[in-house]
Amino acid sequence: IVVDCVNPLGFDKKGPFALPVPEGSAAQQAEQLLP
């Protein structure tokens, strides 16, 4: 069991924002990398 708690975020002068992830999310990226 792998528990992914990674948040793909960026930060600029306006504050935090979500980054685009090609796989859809960090967890889905993990799922593809760890079949």
PDB file of all heavy atoms in Angstrom:
ATOM      1  N   ILE A   1       0.851  -1.182   0.000  1.00  0.00           N
ATOM      2  CA  ILE A   1       0.000   0.000   0.000  1.00  0.00           C
ATOM      3  C   ILE A   1       0.889   1.235   0.000  1.00  0.00           C
ATOM      4  O   ILE A   1       1.744   1.395   0.868  1.00  0.00           O
ATOM      5  CB  ILE A   1      -0.939   0.018   1.217  1.00  0.00           C
ATOM      6  CG1 ILE A   1      -1.924  -1.156   1.157  1.00  0.00           C
ATOM      7  CG2 ILE A   1      -1.702   1.341   1.294  1.00  0.00           C
ATOM      8  CD1 ILE A   1      -2.805  -1.288   2.401  1.00  0.00           C
ATOM      9  N   VAL A   2       0.696   2.080  -1.001  1.00  0.00           N
ATOM     10  CA  VAL A   2       1.421   3.345  -1.087  1.00  0.00           C
ATOM     11  C   VAL A   2       0.413   4.462  -0.875  1.00  0.00           C
ATOM     12  O   VAL A   2      -0.618   4.512  -1.538  1.00  0.00           O
ATOM     13  CB  VAL A   2       2.114   3.493  -2.452  1.00  0.00           C
ATOM     14  CG1 VAL A   2       2.754   4.875  -2.584  1.00  0.00           C
ATOM     15  CG2 VAL A   2       3.161   2.404  -2.647  1.00  0.00           C
ATOM     16  N   VAL A   3       0.719   5.353   0.055  1.00  0.00           N
ATOM     17  CA  VAL A   3      -0.154   6.487   0.365  1.00  0.00           C
ATOM     18  C   VAL A   3       0.529   7.746  -0.151  1.00  0.00           C
ATOM     19  O   VAL A   3       1.563   8.156   0.370  1.00  0.00           O
ATOM     20  CB  VAL A   3      -0.404   6.621   1.879  1.00  0.00           C
ATOM     21  CG1 VAL A   3      -1.463   7.693   2.146  1.00  0.00           C
ATOM     22  CG2 VAL A   3      -0.811   5.285   2.489  1.00  0.00           C
ATOM     23  N   ASP A   4      -0.060   8.346  -1.184  1.00  0.00           N
ATOM     24  CA  ASP A   4       0.531   9.549  -1.760  1.00  0.00           C
ATOM     25  C   ASP A   4      -0.140  10.771  -1.135  1.00  0.00           C
ATOM     26  O   ASP A   4      -1.355  10.913  -1.197  1.00  0.00           O
ATOM     27  CB  ASP A   4       0.322   9.553  -3.276  1.00  0.00           C
ATOM     28  CG  ASP A   4       1.296  10.470  -3.996  1.00  0.00           C
ATOM     29  OD1 ASP A   4       1.243  11.693  -3.731  1.00  0.00           O
ATOM     30  OD2 ASP A   4       2.097   9.988  -4.812  1.00  0.00           O
ATOM     31  N   CYS A   5       0.656  11.642  -0.517  1.00  0.00           N
ATOM     32  CA  CYS A   5       0.090  12.868   0.070  1.00  0.00           C
ATOM     33  C   CYS A   5       0.719  14.114  -0.537  1.00  0.00           C
ATOM     34  O   CYS A   5       0.691  15.198   0.048  1.00  0.00           O
ATOM     35  CB  CYS A   5       0.233  12.867   1.593  1.00  0.00           C
ATOM     36  SG  CYS A   5       1.882  13.160   2.220  1.00  0.00           S
ATOM     37  N   VAL A   6       1.273  13.956  -1.735  1.00  0.00           N
ATOM     38  CA  VAL A   6       1.992  15.046  -2.385  1.00  0.00           C
ATOM     39  C   VAL A   6       1.001  16.017  -3.034  1.00  0.00           C
ATOM     40  O   VAL A   6       0.055  15.602  -3.701  1.00  0.00           O
ATOM     41  CB  VAL A   6       2.981  14.489  -3.423  1.00  0.00           C
ATOM     42  CG1 VAL A   6       3.641  15.611  -4.201  1.00  0.00           C
ATOM     43  CG2 VAL A   6       4.026  13.625  -2.725  1.00  0.00           C
ATOM     44  N   ASN A   7       1.238  17.295  -2.832  1.00  0.00           N
ATOM     45  CA  ASN A   7       0.400  18.352  -3.397  1.00  0.00           C
ATOM     46  C   ASN A   7       1.196  19.114  -4.454  1.00  0.00           C
ATOM     47  O   ASN A   7       2.128  19.851  -4.106  1.00  0.00           O
ATOM     48  CB  ASN A   7      -0.046  19.334  -2.306  1.00  0.00           C
ATOM     49  CG  ASN A   7      -0.883  18.662  -1.238  1.00  0.00           C
ATOM     50  OD1 ASN A   7      -1.869  18.007  -1.527  1.00  0.00           O
ATOM     51  ND2 ASN A   7      -0.482  18.831   0.018  1.00  0.00           N
ATOM     52  N   PRO A   8       0.863  18.956  -5.739  1.00  0.00           N
ATOM     53  CA  PRO A   8       1.575  19.708  -6.773  1.00  0.00           C
ATOM     54  C   PRO A   8       1.124  21.176  -6.770  1.00  0.00           C
ATOM     55  O   PRO A   8       0.100  21.527  -7.346  1.00  0.00           O
ATOM     56  CB  PRO A   8       1.168  19.007  -8.072  1.00  0.00           C
ATOM     57  CG  PRO A   8       0.558  17.703  -7.657  1.00  0.00           C
ATOM     58  CD  PRO A   8      -0.064  17.970  -6.333  1.00  0.00           C
ATOM     59  N   LEU A   9       1.894  22.009  -6.108  1.00  0.00           N
ATOM     60  CA  LEU A   9       1.531  23.412  -5.953  1.00  0.00           C
ATOM     61  C   LEU A   9       2.652  24.317  -6.435  1.00  0.00           C
ATOM     62  O   LEU A   9       3.831  23.972  -6.356  1.00  0.00           O
ATOM     63  CB  LEU A   9       1.240  23.735  -4.477  1.00  0.00           C
ATOM     64  CG  LEU A   9       0.093  22.999  -3.788  1.00  0.00           C
ATOM     65  CD1 LEU A   9       0.006  23.426  -2.339  1.00  0.00           C
ATOM     66  CD2 LEU A   9      -1.224  23.257  -4.505  1.00  0.00           C
ATOM     67  N   GLY A  10       2.248  25.487  -6.911  1.00  0.00           N
ATOM     68  CA  GLY A  10       3.191  26.549  -7.202  1.00  0.00           C
ATOM     69  C   GLY A  10       2.900  27.743  -6.306  1.00  0.00           C
ATOM     70  O   GLY A  10       1.821  27.836  -5.706  1.00  0.00           O
ATOM     71  N   PHE A  11       3.861  28.641  -6.206  1.00  0.00           N
ATOM     72  CA  PHE A  11       3.699  29.834  -5.374  1.00  0.00           C
ATOM     73  C   PHE A  11       4.240  31.039  -6.143  1.00  0.00           C
ATOM     74  O   PHE A  11       5.308  30.974  -6.751  1.00  0.00           O
ATOM     75  CB  PHE A  11       4.456  29.693  -4.046  1.00  0.00           C
ATOM     76  CG  PHE A  11       3.934  28.592  -3.163  1.00  0.00           C
ATOM     77  CD1 PHE A  11       4.369  27.282  -3.329  1.00  0.00           C
ATOM     78  CD2 PHE A  11       2.986  28.862  -2.181  1.00  0.00           C
ATOM     79  CE1 PHE A  11       3.880  26.264  -2.521  1.00  0.00           C
ATOM     80  CE2 PHE A  11       2.493  27.844  -1.373  1.00  0.00           C
ATOM     81  CZ  PHE A  11       2.943  26.548  -1.546  1.00  0.00           C
ATOM     82  N   ASP A  12       3.465  32.119  -6.129  1.00  0.00           N
ATOM     83  CA  ASP A  12       3.936  33.375  -6.694  1.00  0.00           C
ATOM     84  C   ASP A  12       3.480  34.513  -5.784  1.00  0.00           C
ATOM     85  O   ASP A  12       3.028  34.255  -4.660  1.00  0.00           O
ATOM     86  CB  ASP A  12       3.459  33.544  -8.145  1.00  0.00           C
ATOM     87  CG  ASP A  12       1.941  33.575  -8.278  1.00  0.00           C
ATOM     88  OD1 ASP A  12       1.232  33.800  -7.261  1.00  0.00           O
ATOM     89  OD2 ASP A  12       1.433  33.385  -9.406  1.00  0.00           O
ATOM     90  N   LYS A  13       3.586  35.734  -6.238  1.00  0.00           N
ATOM     91  CA  LYS A  13       3.245  36.862  -5.373  1.00  0.00           C
ATOM     92  C   LYS A  13       1.768  36.897  -5.003  1.00  0.00           C
ATOM     93  O   LYS A  13       1.387  37.582  -4.052  1.00  0.00           O
ATOM     94  CB  LYS A  13       3.660  38.178  -6.038  1.00  0.00           C
ATOM     95  CG  LYS A  13       2.961  38.468  -7.354  1.00  0.00           C
ATOM     96  CD  LYS A  13       3.494  39.753  -7.970  1.00  0.00           C
ATOM     97  CE  LYS A  13       2.819  40.057  -9.301  1.00  0.00           C
ATOM     98  NZ  LYS A  13       3.345  41.297  -9.914  1.00  0.00           N
ATOM     99  N   LYS A  14       0.926  36.181  -5.739  1.00  0.00           N
ATOM    100  CA  LYS A  14      -0.493  36.102  -5.398  1.00  0.00           C
ATOM    101  C   LYS A  14      -0.796  34.955  -4.426  1.00  0.00           C
ATOM    102  O   LYS A  14      -1.926  34.826  -3.964  1.00  0.00           O
ATOM    103  CB  LYS A  14      -1.333  35.922  -6.665  1.00  0.00           C
ATOM    104  CG  LYS A  14      -1.314  37.118  -7.592  1.00  0.00           C
ATOM    105  CD  LYS A  14      -2.223  36.879  -8.791  1.00  0.00           C
ATOM    106  CE  LYS A  14      -2.237  38.083  -9.722  1.00  0.00           C
ATOM    107  NZ  LYS A  14      -3.130  37.851 -10.887  1.00  0.00           N
ATOM    108  N   GLY A  15       0.198  34.111  -4.156  1.00  0.00           N
ATOM    109  CA  GLY A  15      -0.010  33.022  -3.215  1.00  0.00           C
ATOM    110  C   GLY A  15       0.056  31.659  -3.876  1.00  0.00           C
ATOM    111  O   GLY A  15       0.577  31.509  -4.990  1.00  0.00           O
ATOM    112  N   PRO A  16      -0.488  30.635  -3.210  1.00  0.00           N
ATOM    113  CA  PRO A  16      -0.401  29.270  -3.720  1.00  0.00           C
ATOM    114  C   PRO A  16      -1.423  29.006  -4.823  1.00  0.00           C
ATOM    115  O   PRO A  16      -2.504  29.592  -4.854  1.00  0.00           O
ATOM    116  CB  PRO A  16      -0.715  28.424  -2.483  1.00  0.00           C
ATOM    117  CG  PRO A  16      -1.620  29.296  -1.663  1.00  0.00           C
ATOM    118  CD  PRO A  16      -1.149  30.705  -1.885  1.00  0.00           C
ATOM    119  N   PHE A  17      -1.046  28.091  -5.726  1.00  0.00           N
ATOM    120  CA  PHE A  17      -1.986  27.675  -6.774  1.00  0.00           C
ATOM    121  C   PHE A  17      -1.646  26.258  -7.212  1.00  0.00           C
ATOM    122  O   PHE A  17      -0.507  25.796  -7.072  1.00  0.00           O
ATOM    123  CB  PHE A  17      -1.928  28.631  -7.974  1.00  0.00           C
ATOM    124  CG  PHE A  17      -0.575  28.706  -8.649  1.00  0.00           C
ATOM    125  CD1 PHE A  17      -0.294  27.953  -9.778  1.00  0.00           C
ATOM    126  CD2 PHE A  17       0.424  29.550  -8.149  1.00  0.00           C
ATOM    127  CE1 PHE A  17       0.942  28.030 -10.396  1.00  0.00           C
ATOM    128  CE2 PHE A  17       1.664  29.623  -8.755  1.00  0.00           C
ATOM    129  CZ  PHE A  17       1.926  28.858  -9.892  1.00  0.00           C
ATOM    130  N   ALA A  18      -2.659  25.537  -7.731  1.00  0.00           N
ATOM    131  CA  ALA A  18      -2.469  24.160  -8.161  1.00  0.00           C
ATOM    132  C   ALA A  18      -1.750  24.106  -9.502  1.00  0.00           C
ATOM    133  O   ALA A  18      -2.040  24.889 -10.408  1.00  0.00           O
ATOM    134  CB  ALA A  18      -3.817  23.461  -8.265  1.00  0.00           C
ATOM    135  N   LEU A  19      -0.806  23.184  -9.633  1.00  0.00           N
ATOM    136  CA  LEU A  19      -0.085  22.993 -10.876  1.00  0.00           C
ATOM    137  C   LEU A  19      -0.772  21.923 -11.732  1.00  0.00           C
ATOM    138  O   LEU A  19      -1.321  20.960 -11.189  1.00  0.00           O
ATOM    139  CB  LEU A  19       1.347  22.542 -10.588  1.00  0.00           C
ATOM    140  CG  LEU A  19       2.245  23.529  -9.845  1.00  0.00           C
ATOM    141  CD1 LEU A  19       3.574  22.866  -9.493  1.00  0.00           C
ATOM    142  CD2 LEU A  19       2.484  24.786 -10.682  1.00  0.00           C
ATOM    143  N   PRO A  20      -0.734  22.066 -13.037  1.00  0.00           N
ATOM    144  CA  PRO A  20      -1.280  21.008 -13.893  1.00  0.00           C
ATOM    145  C   PRO A  20      -0.384  19.773 -13.851  1.00  0.00           C
ATOM    146  O   PRO A  20       0.848  19.890 -13.819  1.00  0.00           O
ATOM    147  CB  PRO A  20      -1.287  21.648 -15.286  1.00  0.00           C
ATOM    148  CG  PRO A  20      -0.221  22.701 -15.227  1.00  0.00           C
ATOM    149  CD  PRO A  20      -0.223  23.212 -13.809  1.00  0.00           C
ATOM    150  N   VAL A  21      -1.000  18.602 -13.838  1.00  0.00           N
ATOM    151  CA  VAL A  21      -0.270  17.336 -13.834  1.00  0.00           C
ATOM    152  C   VAL A  21      -0.754  16.510 -15.027  1.00  0.00           C
ATOM    153  O   VAL A  21      -1.952  16.248 -15.140  1.00  0.00           O
ATOM    154  CB  VAL A  21      -0.520  16.560 -12.520  1.00  0.00           C
ATOM    155  CG1 VAL A  21       0.238  15.236 -12.533  1.00  0.00           C
ATOM    156  CG2 VAL A  21      -0.115  17.395 -11.312  1.00  0.00           C
ATOM    157  N   PRO A  22       0.132  16.121 -15.924  1.00  0.00           N
ATOM    158  CA  PRO A  22      -0.307  15.402 -17.128  1.00  0.00           C
ATOM    159  C   PRO A  22      -1.151  14.161 -16.834  1.00  0.00           C
ATOM    160  O   PRO A  22      -2.116  13.879 -17.551  1.00  0.00           O
ATOM    161  CB  PRO A  22       1.014  15.033 -17.812  1.00  0.00           C
ATOM    162  CG  PRO A  22       1.987  16.073 -17.351  1.00  0.00           C
ATOM    163  CD  PRO A  22       1.582  16.399 -15.945  1.00  0.00           C
ATOM    164  N   GLU A  23      -0.807  13.442 -15.764  1.00  0.00           N
ATOM    165  CA  GLU A  23      -1.555  12.224 -15.425  1.00  0.00           C
ATOM    166  C   GLU A  23      -2.883  12.525 -14.737  1.00  0.00           C
ATOM    167  O   GLU A  23      -3.688  11.616 -14.516  1.00  0.00           O
ATOM    168  CB  GLU A  23      -0.710  11.320 -14.524  1.00  0.00           C
ATOM    169  CG  GLU A  23       0.562  10.798 -15.168  1.00  0.00           C
ATOM    170  CD  GLU A  23       1.746  11.768 -15.041  1.00  0.00           C
ATOM    171  OE1 GLU A  23       1.542  12.918 -14.586  1.00  0.00           O
ATOM    172  OE2 GLU A  23       2.863  11.373 -15.386  1.00  0.00           O
ATOM    173  N   GLY A  24      -3.108  13.779 -14.355  1.00  0.00           N
ATOM    174  CA  GLY A  24      -4.322  14.188 -13.671  1.00  0.00           C
ATOM    175  C   GLY A  24      -4.075  14.616 -12.244  1.00  0.00           C
ATOM    176  O   GLY A  24      -4.695  15.557 -11.751  1.00  0.00           O
ATOM    177  N   SER A  25      -3.181  13.932 -11.543  1.00  0.00           N
ATOM    178  CA  SER A  25      -2.857  14.253 -10.149  1.00  0.00           C
ATOM    179  C   SER A  25      -1.565  13.549  -9.781  1.00  0.00           C
ATOM    180  O   SER A  25      -1.098  12.643 -10.496  1.00  0.00           O
ATOM    181  CB  SER A  25      -3.977  13.783  -9.215  1.00  0.00           C
ATOM    182  OG  SER A  25      -4.096  12.366  -9.236  1.00  0.00           O
ATOM    183  N   ALA A  26      -0.987  13.931  -8.651  1.00  0.00           N
ATOM    184  CA  ALA A  26       0.209  13.246  -8.161  1.00  0.00           C
ATOM    185  C   ALA A  26      -0.094  11.778  -7.891  1.00  0.00           C
ATOM    186  O   ALA A  26       0.710  10.891  -8.192  1.00  0.00           O
ATOM    187  CB  ALA A  26       0.726  13.928  -6.901  1.00  0.00           C
ATOM    188  N   ALA A  27      -1.267  11.505  -7.316  1.00  0.00           N
ATOM    189  CA  ALA A  27      -1.631  10.123  -6.996  1.00  0.00           C
ATOM    190  C   ALA A  27      -1.777   9.280  -8.255  1.00  0.00           C
ATOM    191  O   ALA A  27      -1.362   8.111  -8.285  1.00  0.00           O
ATOM    192  CB  ALA A  27      -2.921  10.106  -6.188  1.00  0.00           C
ATOM    193  N   GLN A  28      -2.366   9.854  -9.309  1.00  0.00           N
ATOM    194  CA  GLN A  28      -2.491   9.112 -10.562  1.00  0.00           C
ATOM    195  C   GLN A  28      -1.138   8.913 -11.229  1.00  0.00           C
ATOM    196  O   GLN A  28      -0.903   7.884 -11.869  1.00  0.00           O
ATOM    197  CB  GLN A  28      -3.450   9.840 -11.498  1.00  0.00           C
ATOM    198  CG  GLN A  28      -4.910   9.734 -11.060  1.00  0.00           C
ATOM    199  CD  GLN A  28      -5.804  10.652 -11.873  1.00  0.00           C
ATOM    200  OE1 GLN A  28      -5.731  11.869 -11.743  1.00  0.00           O
ATOM    201  NE2 GLN A  28      -6.642  10.066 -12.711  1.00  0.00           N
ATOM    202  N   GLN A  29      -0.242   9.872 -11.058  1.00  0.00           N
ATOM    203  CA  GLN A  29       1.122   9.676 -11.537  1.00  0.00           C
ATOM    204  C   GLN A  29       1.765   8.502 -10.808  1.00  0.00           C
ATOM    205  O   GLN A  29       2.412   7.642 -11.423  1.00  0.00           O
ATOM    206  CB  GLN A  29       1.955  10.943 -11.331  1.00  0.00           C
ATOM    207  CG  GLN A  29       3.361  10.840 -11.880  1.00  0.00           C
ATOM    208  CD  GLN A  29       4.191  12.069 -11.578  1.00  0.00           C
ATOM    209  OE1 GLN A  29       4.766  12.181 -10.503  1.00  0.00           O
ATOM    210  NE2 GLN A  29       4.243  13.000 -12.525  1.00  0.00           N
ATOM    211  N   ALA A  30       1.571   8.453  -9.484  1.00  0.00           N
ATOM    212  CA  ALA A  30       2.107   7.339  -8.700  1.00  0.00           C
ATOM    213  C   ALA A  30       1.527   6.013  -9.172  1.00  0.00           C
ATOM    214  O   ALA A  30       2.241   5.003  -9.277  1.00  0.00           O
ATOM    215  CB  ALA A  30       1.807   7.556  -7.222  1.00  0.00           C
ATOM    216  N   GLU A  31       0.233   6.000  -9.459  1.00  0.00           N
ATOM    217  CA  GLU A  31      -0.422   4.775  -9.920  1.00  0.00           C
ATOM    218  C   GLU A  31       0.199   4.280 -11.229  1.00  0.00           C
ATOM    219  O   GLU A  31       0.398   3.077 -11.417  1.00  0.00           O
ATOM    220  CB  GLU A  31      -1.906   5.039 -10.102  1.00  0.00           C
ATOM    221  CG  GLU A  31      -2.713   3.818 -10.535  1.00  0.00           C
ATOM    222  CD  GLU A  31      -4.168   4.174 -10.751  1.00  0.00           C
ATOM    223  OE1 GLU A  31      -4.449   5.226 -11.369  1.00  0.00           O
ATOM    224  OE2 GLU A  31      -5.027   3.390 -10.317  1.00  0.00           O
ATOM    225  N   GLN A  32       0.509   5.203 -12.124  1.00  0.00           N
ATOM    226  CA  GLN A  32       1.111   4.805 -13.395  1.00  0.00           C
ATOM    227  C   GLN A  32       2.544   4.323 -13.218  1.00  0.00           C
ATOM    228  O   GLN A  32       2.986   3.388 -13.882  1.00  0.00           O
ATOM    229  CB  GLN A  32       1.072   5.971 -14.377  1.00  0.00           C
ATOM    230  CG  GLN A  32      -0.330   6.288 -14.879  1.00  0.00           C
ATOM    231  CD  GLN A  32      -0.341   7.268 -16.038  1.00  0.00           C
ATOM    232  OE1 GLN A  32       0.660   7.424 -16.742  1.00  0.00           O
ATOM    233  NE2 GLN A  32      -1.471   7.935 -16.247  1.00  0.00           N
ATOM    234  N   LEU A  33       3.266   4.946 -12.316  1.00  0.00           N
ATOM    235  CA  LEU A  33       4.664   4.569 -12.087  1.00  0.00           C
ATOM    236  C   LEU A  33       4.799   3.284 -11.277  1.00  0.00           C
ATOM    237  O   LEU A  33       5.833   2.618 -11.354  1.00  0.00           O
ATOM    238  CB  LEU A  33       5.389   5.704 -11.362  1.00  0.00           C
ATOM    239  CG  LEU A  33       5.582   6.995 -12.144  1.00  0.00           C
ATOM    240  CD1 LEU A  33       6.107   8.094 -11.235  1.00  0.00           C
ATOM    241  CD2 LEU A  33       6.530   6.777 -13.321  1.00  0.00           C
ATOM    242  N   LEU A  34       3.767   2.959 -10.501  1.00  0.00           N
ATOM    243  CA  LEU A  34       3.818   1.810  -9.589  1.00  0.00           C
ATOM    244  C   LEU A  34       2.658   0.851  -9.889  1.00  0.00           C
ATOM    245  O   LEU A  34       1.766   0.654  -9.060  1.00  0.00           O
ATOM    246  CB  LEU A  34       3.738   2.283  -8.137  1.00  0.00           C
ATOM    247  CG  LEU A  34       4.786   3.307  -7.692  1.00  0.00           C
ATOM    248  CD1 LEU A  34       4.448   3.843  -6.307  1.00  0.00           C
ATOM    249  CD2 LEU A  34       6.179   2.686  -7.708  1.00  0.00           C
ATOM    250  N   PRO A  35       2.659   0.211 -11.059  1.00  0.00           N
ATOM    251  CA  PRO A  35       1.522  -0.626 -11.441  1.00  0.00           C
ATOM    252  C   PRO A  35       1.323  -1.856 -10.558  1.00  0.00           C
ATOM    253  O   PRO A  35       0.226  -2.436 -10.547  1.00  0.00           O
ATOM    254  CB  PRO A  35       1.849  -1.024 -12.887  1.00  0.00           C
ATOM    255  CG  PRO A  35       3.337  -0.912 -12.984  1.00  0.00           C
ATOM    256  CD  PRO A  35       3.704   0.242 -12.104  1.00  0.00           C
TER     257      PRO A  35
END
